Amino acid sequence: GGDAGTRRLVMAQDTGGGIIGAVRAD
C-alpha cells in the first residue's frame, strides 16, 4: 500500500459489497 504499515503479508479471508476489481482490498 506504499508505506511500511501496509506493506505486509495478509490473508484473503473476506469480501464486501464495495470490494470489486482485480487489485482491490479492504
mmCIF file of all heavy atoms, coordinates in Angstrom:
data_MODEL
# 
_entry.id   MODEL 
# 
loop_
_atom_site.group_PDB 
_atom_site.id 
_atom_site.type_symbol 
_atom_site.label_atom_id 
_atom_site.label_alt_id 
_atom_site.label_comp_id 
_atom_site.label_asym_id 
_atom_site.label_entity_id 
_atom_site.label_seq_id 
_atom_site.pdbx_PDB_ins_code 
_atom_site.Cartn_x 
_atom_site.Cartn_y 
_atom_site.Cartn_z 
_atom_site.occupancy 
_atom_site.B_iso_or_equiv 
_atom_site.pdbx_formal_charge 
_atom_site.auth_seq_id 
_atom_site.auth_comp_id 
_atom_site.auth_asym_id 
_atom_site.auth_atom_id 
_atom_site.pdbx_PDB_model_num 
ATOM 1   N N   . GLY A 1 1  ? 0.803   -1.211  0.000   1.00 0.00 ? 1  GLY A N   1 
ATOM 2   C CA  . GLY A 1 1  ? 0.000   0.000   0.000   1.00 0.00 ? 1  GLY A CA  1 
ATOM 3   C C   . GLY A 1 1  ? 0.836   1.262   0.000   1.00 0.00 ? 1  GLY A C   1 
ATOM 4   O O   . GLY A 1 1  ? 0.304   2.353   0.221   1.00 0.00 ? 1  GLY A O   1 
ATOM 5   N N   . GLY A 1 2  ? 2.151   1.124   -0.215  1.00 0.00 ? 2  GLY A N   1 
ATOM 6   C CA  . GLY A 1 2  ? 3.005   2.288   -0.361  1.00 0.00 ? 2  GLY A CA  1 
ATOM 7   C C   . GLY A 1 2  ? 3.697   2.764   0.895   1.00 0.00 ? 2  GLY A C   1 
ATOM 8   O O   . GLY A 1 2  ? 4.477   3.713   0.848   1.00 0.00 ? 2  GLY A O   1 
ATOM 9   N N   . ASP A 1 3  ? 3.431   2.132   2.054   1.00 0.00 ? 3  ASP A N   1 
ATOM 10  C CA  . ASP A 1 3  ? 4.132   2.525   3.271   1.00 0.00 ? 3  ASP A CA  1 
ATOM 11  C C   . ASP A 1 3  ? 4.388   1.279   4.104   1.00 0.00 ? 3  ASP A C   1 
ATOM 12  O O   . ASP A 1 3  ? 3.871   0.190   3.828   1.00 0.00 ? 3  ASP A O   1 
ATOM 13  C CB  . ASP A 1 3  ? 3.331   3.565   4.066   1.00 0.00 ? 3  ASP A CB  1 
ATOM 14  C CG  . ASP A 1 3  ? 1.938   3.080   4.427   1.00 0.00 ? 3  ASP A CG  1 
ATOM 15  O OD1 . ASP A 1 3  ? 1.811   2.009   5.047   1.00 0.00 ? 3  ASP A OD1 1 
ATOM 16  O OD2 . ASP A 1 3  ? 0.965   3.780   4.099   1.00 0.00 ? 3  ASP A OD2 1 
ATOM 17  N N   . ALA A 1 4  ? 5.207   1.449   5.140   1.00 0.00 ? 4  ALA A N   1 
ATOM 18  C CA  . ALA A 1 4  ? 5.609   0.296   5.951   1.00 0.00 ? 4  ALA A CA  1 
ATOM 19  C C   . ALA A 1 4  ? 4.432   -0.394  6.618   1.00 0.00 ? 4  ALA A C   1 
ATOM 20  O O   . ALA A 1 4  ? 4.414   -1.615  6.769   1.00 0.00 ? 4  ALA A O   1 
ATOM 21  C CB  . ALA A 1 4  ? 6.630   0.739   7.009   1.00 0.00 ? 4  ALA A CB  1 
ATOM 22  N N   . GLY A 1 5  ? 3.417   0.380   7.013   1.00 0.00 ? 5  GLY A N   1 
ATOM 23  C CA  . GLY A 1 5  ? 2.278   -0.208  7.704   1.00 0.00 ? 5  GLY A CA  1 
ATOM 24  C C   . GLY A 1 5  ? 1.391   -1.059  6.824   1.00 0.00 ? 5  GLY A C   1 
ATOM 25  O O   . GLY A 1 5  ? 0.710   -1.954  7.314   1.00 0.00 ? 5  GLY A O   1 
ATOM 26  N N   . THR A 1 6  ? 1.389   -0.777  5.526   1.00 0.00 ? 6  THR A N   1 
ATOM 27  C CA  . THR A 1 6  ? 0.538   -1.537  4.608   1.00 0.00 ? 6  THR A CA  1 
ATOM 28  C C   . THR A 1 6  ? 1.361   -2.320  3.585   1.00 0.00 ? 6  THR A C   1 
ATOM 29  O O   . THR A 1 6  ? 0.856   -2.698  2.529   1.00 0.00 ? 6  THR A O   1 
ATOM 30  C CB  . THR A 1 6  ? -0.439  -0.595  3.874   1.00 0.00 ? 6  THR A CB  1 
ATOM 31  O OG1 . THR A 1 6  ? 0.299   0.439   3.202   1.00 0.00 ? 6  THR A OG1 1 
ATOM 32  C CG2 . THR A 1 6  ? -1.416  0.028   4.850   1.00 0.00 ? 6  THR A CG2 1 
ATOM 33  N N   . ARG A 1 7  ? 2.613   -2.561  3.884   1.00 0.00 ? 7  ARG A N   1 
ATOM 34  C CA  . ARG A 1 7  ? 3.479   -3.401  3.051   1.00 0.00 ? 7  ARG A CA  1 
ATOM 35  C C   . ARG A 1 7  ? 3.752   -4.646  3.887   1.00 0.00 ? 7  ARG A C   1 
ATOM 36  O O   . ARG A 1 7  ? 4.697   -4.692  4.670   1.00 0.00 ? 7  ARG A O   1 
ATOM 37  C CB  . ARG A 1 7  ? 4.753   -2.653  2.693   1.00 0.00 ? 7  ARG A CB  1 
ATOM 38  C CG  . ARG A 1 7  ? 5.637   -3.343  1.669   1.00 0.00 ? 7  ARG A CG  1 
ATOM 39  C CD  . ARG A 1 7  ? 6.790   -2.443  1.274   1.00 0.00 ? 7  ARG A CD  1 
ATOM 40  N NE  . ARG A 1 7  ? 6.356   -1.340  0.422   1.00 0.00 ? 7  ARG A NE  1 
ATOM 41  C CZ  . ARG A 1 7  ? 6.846   -0.118  0.459   1.00 0.00 ? 7  ARG A CZ  1 
ATOM 42  N NH1 . ARG A 1 7  ? 7.772   0.192   1.338   1.00 0.00 ? 7  ARG A NH1 1 
ATOM 43  N NH2 . ARG A 1 7  ? 6.394   0.824   -0.368  1.00 0.00 ? 7  ARG A NH2 1 
ATOM 44  N N   . ARG A 1 8  ? 2.919   -5.689  3.684   1.00 0.00 ? 8  ARG A N   1 
ATOM 45  C CA  . ARG A 1 8  ? 2.965   -6.811  4.613   1.00 0.00 ? 8  ARG A CA  1 
ATOM 46  C C   . ARG A 1 8  ? 2.244   -8.042  4.057   1.00 0.00 ? 8  ARG A C   1 
ATOM 47  O O   . ARG A 1 8  ? 1.550   -7.989  3.052   1.00 0.00 ? 8  ARG A O   1 
ATOM 48  C CB  . ARG A 1 8  ? 2.300   -6.418  5.921   1.00 0.00 ? 8  ARG A CB  1 
ATOM 49  C CG  . ARG A 1 8  ? 0.859   -5.947  5.762   1.00 0.00 ? 8  ARG A CG  1 
ATOM 50  C CD  . ARG A 1 8  ? 0.164   -5.710  7.103   1.00 0.00 ? 8  ARG A CD  1 
ATOM 51  N NE  . ARG A 1 8  ? 0.924   -4.834  7.963   1.00 0.00 ? 8  ARG A NE  1 
ATOM 52  C CZ  . ARG A 1 8  ? 0.780   -4.808  9.287   1.00 0.00 ? 8  ARG A CZ  1 
ATOM 53  N NH1 . ARG A 1 8  ? -0.101  -5.605  9.865   1.00 0.00 ? 8  ARG A NH1 1 
ATOM 54  N NH2 . ARG A 1 8  ? 1.484   -3.989  10.020  1.00 0.00 ? 8  ARG A NH2 1 
ATOM 55  N N   . LEU A 1 9  ? 2.419   -9.153  4.772   1.00 0.00 ? 9  LEU A N   1 
ATOM 56  C CA  . LEU A 1 9  ? 1.723   -10.398 4.482   1.00 0.00 ? 9  LEU A CA  1 
ATOM 57  C C   . LEU A 1 9  ? 0.310   -10.339 5.046   1.00 0.00 ? 9  LEU A C   1 
ATOM 58  O O   . LEU A 1 9  ? 0.105   -9.956  6.198   1.00 0.00 ? 9  LEU A O   1 
ATOM 59  C CB  . LEU A 1 9  ? 2.468   -11.573 5.119   1.00 0.00 ? 9  LEU A CB  1 
ATOM 60  C CG  . LEU A 1 9  ? 3.779   -11.992 4.464   1.00 0.00 ? 9  LEU A CG  1 
ATOM 61  C CD1 . LEU A 1 9  ? 4.660   -12.727 5.480   1.00 0.00 ? 9  LEU A CD1 1 
ATOM 62  C CD2 . LEU A 1 9  ? 3.498   -12.878 3.254   1.00 0.00 ? 9  LEU A CD2 1 
ATOM 63  N N   . VAL A 1 10 ? -0.662  -10.718 4.226   1.00 0.00 ? 10 VAL A N   1 
ATOM 64  C CA  . VAL A 1 10 ? -2.049  -10.773 4.670   1.00 0.00 ? 10 VAL A CA  1 
ATOM 65  C C   . VAL A 1 10 ? -2.712  -12.003 4.060   1.00 0.00 ? 10 VAL A C   1 
ATOM 66  O O   . VAL A 1 10 ? -2.204  -12.604 3.105   1.00 0.00 ? 10 VAL A O   1 
ATOM 67  C CB  . VAL A 1 10 ? -2.837  -9.501  4.270   1.00 0.00 ? 10 VAL A CB  1 
ATOM 68  C CG1 . VAL A 1 10 ? -2.327  -8.284  5.014   1.00 0.00 ? 10 VAL A CG1 1 
ATOM 69  C CG2 . VAL A 1 10 ? -2.774  -9.274  2.759   1.00 0.00 ? 10 VAL A CG2 1 
ATOM 70  N N   . MET A 1 11 ? -3.875  -12.366 4.611   1.00 0.00 ? 11 MET A N   1 
ATOM 71  C CA  . MET A 1 11 ? -4.671  -13.464 4.071   1.00 0.00 ? 11 MET A CA  1 
ATOM 72  C C   . MET A 1 11 ? -5.990  -12.920 3.532   1.00 0.00 ? 11 MET A C   1 
ATOM 73  O O   . MET A 1 11 ? -6.645  -12.099 4.180   1.00 0.00 ? 11 MET A O   1 
ATOM 74  C CB  . MET A 1 11 ? -4.971  -14.508 5.151   1.00 0.00 ? 11 MET A CB  1 
ATOM 75  C CG  . MET A 1 11 ? -3.767  -15.284 5.644   1.00 0.00 ? 11 MET A CG  1 
ATOM 76  S SD  . MET A 1 11 ? -2.901  -16.259 4.369   1.00 0.00 ? 11 MET A SD  1 
ATOM 77  C CE  . MET A 1 11 ? -4.193  -17.371 3.808   1.00 0.00 ? 11 MET A CE  1 
ATOM 78  N N   . ALA A 1 12 ? -6.393  -13.383 2.349   1.00 0.00 ? 12 ALA A N   1 
ATOM 79  C CA  . ALA A 1 12 ? -7.689  -13.022 1.771   1.00 0.00 ? 12 ALA A CA  1 
ATOM 80  C C   . ALA A 1 12 ? -8.759  -13.869 2.445   1.00 0.00 ? 12 ALA A C   1 
ATOM 81  O O   . ALA A 1 12 ? -8.882  -15.062 2.156   1.00 0.00 ? 12 ALA A O   1 
ATOM 82  C CB  . ALA A 1 12 ? -7.672  -13.267 0.265   1.00 0.00 ? 12 ALA A CB  1 
ATOM 83  N N   . GLN A 1 13 ? -9.529  -13.263 3.350   1.00 0.00 ? 13 GLN A N   1 
ATOM 84  C CA  . GLN A 1 13 ? -10.473 -14.026 4.162   1.00 0.00 ? 13 GLN A CA  1 
ATOM 85  C C   . GLN A 1 13 ? -11.880 -13.447 4.185   1.00 0.00 ? 13 GLN A C   1 
ATOM 86  O O   . GLN A 1 13 ? -12.746 -13.962 4.884   1.00 0.00 ? 13 GLN A O   1 
ATOM 87  C CB  . GLN A 1 13 ? -9.941  -14.113 5.610   1.00 0.00 ? 13 GLN A CB  1 
ATOM 88  C CG  . GLN A 1 13 ? -8.634  -14.896 5.714   1.00 0.00 ? 13 GLN A CG  1 
ATOM 89  C CD  . GLN A 1 13 ? -8.031  -14.872 7.094   1.00 0.00 ? 13 GLN A CD  1 
ATOM 90  O OE1 . GLN A 1 13 ? -8.126  -13.883 7.818   1.00 0.00 ? 13 GLN A OE1 1 
ATOM 91  N NE2 . GLN A 1 13 ? -7.394  -15.967 7.491   1.00 0.00 ? 13 GLN A NE2 1 
ATOM 92  N N   . ASP A 1 14 ? -12.125 -12.401 3.405   1.00 0.00 ? 14 ASP A N   1 
ATOM 93  C CA  . ASP A 1 14 ? -13.430 -11.759 3.482   1.00 0.00 ? 14 ASP A CA  1 
ATOM 94  C C   . ASP A 1 14 ? -13.736 -11.066 2.161   1.00 0.00 ? 14 ASP A C   1 
ATOM 95  O O   . ASP A 1 14 ? -12.891 -11.033 1.253   1.00 0.00 ? 14 ASP A O   1 
ATOM 96  C CB  . ASP A 1 14 ? -13.422 -10.739 4.636   1.00 0.00 ? 14 ASP A CB  1 
ATOM 97  C CG  . ASP A 1 14 ? -14.813 -10.410 5.158   1.00 0.00 ? 14 ASP A CG  1 
ATOM 98  O OD1 . ASP A 1 14 ? -15.792 -11.031 4.709   1.00 0.00 ? 14 ASP A OD1 1 
ATOM 99  O OD2 . ASP A 1 14 ? -14.927 -9.522  6.031   1.00 0.00 ? 14 ASP A OD2 1 
ATOM 100 N N   . THR A 1 15 ? -14.935 -10.524 2.049   1.00 0.00 ? 15 THR A N   1 
ATOM 101 C CA  . THR A 1 15 ? -15.318 -9.733  0.886   1.00 0.00 ? 15 THR A CA  1 
ATOM 102 C C   . THR A 1 15 ? -16.253 -8.630  1.359   1.00 0.00 ? 15 THR A C   1 
ATOM 103 O O   . THR A 1 15 ? -16.547 -8.523  2.549   1.00 0.00 ? 15 THR A O   1 
ATOM 104 C CB  . THR A 1 15 ? -15.985 -10.598 -0.194  1.00 0.00 ? 15 THR A CB  1 
ATOM 105 O OG1 . THR A 1 15 ? -16.063 -9.871  -1.414  1.00 0.00 ? 15 THR A OG1 1 
ATOM 106 C CG2 . THR A 1 15 ? -17.379 -11.052 0.225   1.00 0.00 ? 15 THR A CG2 1 
ATOM 107 N N   . GLY A 1 16 ? -16.721 -7.791  0.445   1.00 0.00 ? 16 GLY A N   1 
ATOM 108 C CA  . GLY A 1 16 ? -17.626 -6.712  0.799   1.00 0.00 ? 16 GLY A CA  1 
ATOM 109 C C   . GLY A 1 16 ? -18.320 -6.182  -0.433  1.00 0.00 ? 16 GLY A C   1 
ATOM 110 O O   . GLY A 1 16 ? -17.844 -6.366  -1.555  1.00 0.00 ? 16 GLY A O   1 
ATOM 111 N N   . GLY A 1 17 ? -19.447 -5.489  -0.206  1.00 0.00 ? 17 GLY A N   1 
ATOM 112 C CA  . GLY A 1 17 ? -20.241 -5.001  -1.324  1.00 0.00 ? 17 GLY A CA  1 
ATOM 113 C C   . GLY A 1 17 ? -19.505 -4.038  -2.224  1.00 0.00 ? 17 GLY A C   1 
ATOM 114 O O   . GLY A 1 17 ? -19.765 -3.972  -3.419  1.00 0.00 ? 17 GLY A O   1 
ATOM 115 N N   . GLY A 1 18 ? -18.567 -3.262  -1.674  1.00 0.00 ? 18 GLY A N   1 
ATOM 116 C CA  . GLY A 1 18 ? -17.834 -2.299  -2.478  1.00 0.00 ? 18 GLY A CA  1 
ATOM 117 C C   . GLY A 1 18 ? -16.455 -2.768  -2.883  1.00 0.00 ? 18 GLY A C   1 
ATOM 118 O O   . GLY A 1 18 ? -15.673 -2.001  -3.442  1.00 0.00 ? 18 GLY A O   1 
ATOM 119 N N   . ILE A 1 19 ? -16.145 -4.041  -2.603  1.00 0.00 ? 19 ILE A N   1 
ATOM 120 C CA  . ILE A 1 19 ? -14.800 -4.556  -2.905  1.00 0.00 ? 19 ILE A CA  1 
ATOM 121 C C   . ILE A 1 19 ? -14.868 -5.306  -4.235  1.00 0.00 ? 19 ILE A C   1 
ATOM 122 O O   . ILE A 1 19 ? -15.076 -6.516  -4.293  1.00 0.00 ? 19 ILE A O   1 
ATOM 123 C CB  . ILE A 1 19 ? -14.304 -5.476  -1.772  1.00 0.00 ? 19 ILE A CB  1 
ATOM 124 C CG1 . ILE A 1 19 ? -14.490 -4.790  -0.413  1.00 0.00 ? 19 ILE A CG1 1 
ATOM 125 C CG2 . ILE A 1 19 ? -12.836 -5.826  -1.992  1.00 0.00 ? 19 ILE A CG2 1 
ATOM 126 C CD1 . ILE A 1 19 ? -13.840 -3.428  -0.311  1.00 0.00 ? 19 ILE A CD1 1 
ATOM 127 N N   . ILE A 1 20 ? -14.717 -4.571  -5.311  1.00 0.00 ? 20 ILE A N   1 
ATOM 128 C CA  . ILE A 1 20 ? -14.838 -5.123  -6.657  1.00 0.00 ? 20 ILE A CA  1 
ATOM 129 C C   . ILE A 1 20 ? -13.652 -4.653  -7.486  1.00 0.00 ? 20 ILE A C   1 
ATOM 130 O O   . ILE A 1 20 ? -13.346 -3.468  -7.534  1.00 0.00 ? 20 ILE A O   1 
ATOM 131 C CB  . ILE A 1 20 ? -16.153 -4.685  -7.321  1.00 0.00 ? 20 ILE A CB  1 
ATOM 132 C CG1 . ILE A 1 20 ? -17.364 -5.187  -6.502  1.00 0.00 ? 20 ILE A CG1 1 
ATOM 133 C CG2 . ILE A 1 20 ? -16.234 -5.205  -8.753  1.00 0.00 ? 20 ILE A CG2 1 
ATOM 134 C CD1 . ILE A 1 20 ? -18.686 -4.670  -6.999  1.00 0.00 ? 20 ILE A CD1 1 
ATOM 135 N N   . GLY A 1 21 ? -12.987 -5.596  -8.136  1.00 0.00 ? 21 GLY A N   1 
ATOM 136 C CA  . GLY A 1 21 ? -11.871 -5.259  -9.007  1.00 0.00 ? 21 GLY A CA  1 
ATOM 137 C C   . GLY A 1 21 ? -10.711 -6.206  -8.815  1.00 0.00 ? 21 GLY A C   1 
ATOM 138 O O   . GLY A 1 21 ? -10.599 -6.886  -7.792  1.00 0.00 ? 21 GLY A O   1 
ATOM 139 N N   . ALA A 1 22 ? -9.843  -6.259  -9.797  1.00 0.00 ? 22 ALA A N   1 
ATOM 140 C CA  . ALA A 1 22 ? -8.721  -7.194  -9.761  1.00 0.00 ? 22 ALA A CA  1 
ATOM 141 C C   . ALA A 1 22 ? -7.773  -6.899  -8.613  1.00 0.00 ? 22 ALA A C   1 
ATOM 142 O O   . ALA A 1 22 ? -7.339  -7.797  -7.886  1.00 0.00 ? 22 ALA A O   1 
ATOM 143 C CB  . ALA A 1 22 ? -7.970  -7.143  -11.098 1.00 0.00 ? 22 ALA A CB  1 
ATOM 144 N N   . VAL A 1 23 ? -7.430  -5.619  -8.439  1.00 0.00 ? 23 VAL A N   1 
ATOM 145 C CA  . VAL A 1 23 ? -6.494  -5.217  -7.391  1.00 0.00 ? 23 VAL A CA  1 
ATOM 146 C C   . VAL A 1 23 ? -7.258  -4.290  -6.446  1.00 0.00 ? 23 VAL A C   1 
ATOM 147 O O   . VAL A 1 23 ? -7.178  -3.070  -6.539  1.00 0.00 ? 23 VAL A O   1 
ATOM 148 C CB  . VAL A 1 23 ? -5.253  -4.523  -7.972  1.00 0.00 ? 23 VAL A CB  1 
ATOM 149 C CG1 . VAL A 1 23 ? -4.219  -4.251  -6.878  1.00 0.00 ? 23 VAL A CG1 1 
ATOM 150 C CG2 . VAL A 1 23 ? -4.634  -5.369  -9.086  1.00 0.00 ? 23 VAL A CG2 1 
ATOM 151 N N   . ARG A 1 24 ? -7.990  -4.890  -5.542  1.00 0.00 ? 24 ARG A N   1 
ATOM 152 C CA  . ARG A 1 24 ? -8.855  -4.142  -4.615  1.00 0.00 ? 24 ARG A CA  1 
ATOM 153 C C   . ARG A 1 24 ? -8.887  -4.886  -3.294  1.00 0.00 ? 24 ARG A C   1 
ATOM 154 O O   . ARG A 1 24 ? -9.101  -6.103  -3.249  1.00 0.00 ? 24 ARG A O   1 
ATOM 155 C CB  . ARG A 1 24 ? -10.263 -4.053  -5.201  1.00 0.00 ? 24 ARG A CB  1 
ATOM 156 C CG  . ARG A 1 24 ? -11.269 -3.327  -4.326  1.00 0.00 ? 24 ARG A CG  1 
ATOM 157 C CD  . ARG A 1 24 ? -11.017 -1.830  -4.308  1.00 0.00 ? 24 ARG A CD  1 
ATOM 158 N NE  . ARG A 1 24 ? -12.053 -1.127  -3.532  1.00 0.00 ? 24 ARG A NE  1 
ATOM 159 C CZ  . ARG A 1 24 ? -11.950 -0.878  -2.225  1.00 0.00 ? 24 ARG A CZ  1 
ATOM 160 N NH1 . ARG A 1 24 ? -10.861 -1.251  -1.566  1.00 0.00 ? 24 ARG A NH1 1 
ATOM 161 N NH2 . ARG A 1 24 ? -12.912 -0.241  -1.597  1.00 0.00 ? 24 ARG A NH2 1 
ATOM 162 N N   . ALA A 1 25 ? -8.637  -4.195  -2.190  1.00 0.00 ? 25 ALA A N   1 
ATOM 163 C CA  . ALA A 1 25 ? -8.626  -4.844  -0.885  1.00 0.00 ? 25 ALA A CA  1 
ATOM 164 C C   . ALA A 1 25 ? -9.110  -3.886  0.187   1.00 0.00 ? 25 ALA A C   1 
ATOM 165 O O   . ALA A 1 25 ? -8.897  -2.674  0.105   1.00 0.00 ? 25 ALA A O   1 
ATOM 166 C CB  . ALA A 1 25 ? -7.233  -5.359  -0.532  1.00 0.00 ? 25 ALA A CB  1 
ATOM 167 N N   . ASP A 1 26 ? -9.759  -4.448  1.199   1.00 0.00 ? 26 ASP A N   1 
ATOM 168 C CA  . ASP A 1 26 ? -10.196 -3.735  2.393   1.00 0.00 ? 26 ASP A CA  1 
ATOM 169 C C   . ASP A 1 26 ? -9.438  -4.362  3.555   1.00 0.00 ? 26 ASP A C   1 
ATOM 170 O O   . ASP A 1 26 ? -9.546  -5.570  3.803   1.00 0.00 ? 26 ASP A O   1 
ATOM 171 C CB  . ASP A 1 26 ? -11.705 -3.908  2.566   1.00 0.00 ? 26 ASP A CB  1 
ATOM 172 C CG  . ASP A 1 26 ? -12.389 -2.691  3.146   1.00 0.00 ? 26 ASP A CG  1 
ATOM 173 O OD1 . ASP A 1 26 ? -11.752 -1.631  3.236   1.00 0.00 ? 26 ASP A OD1 1 
ATOM 174 O OD2 . ASP A 1 26 ? -13.574 -2.797  3.503   1.00 0.00 ? 26 ASP A OD2 1 
# 
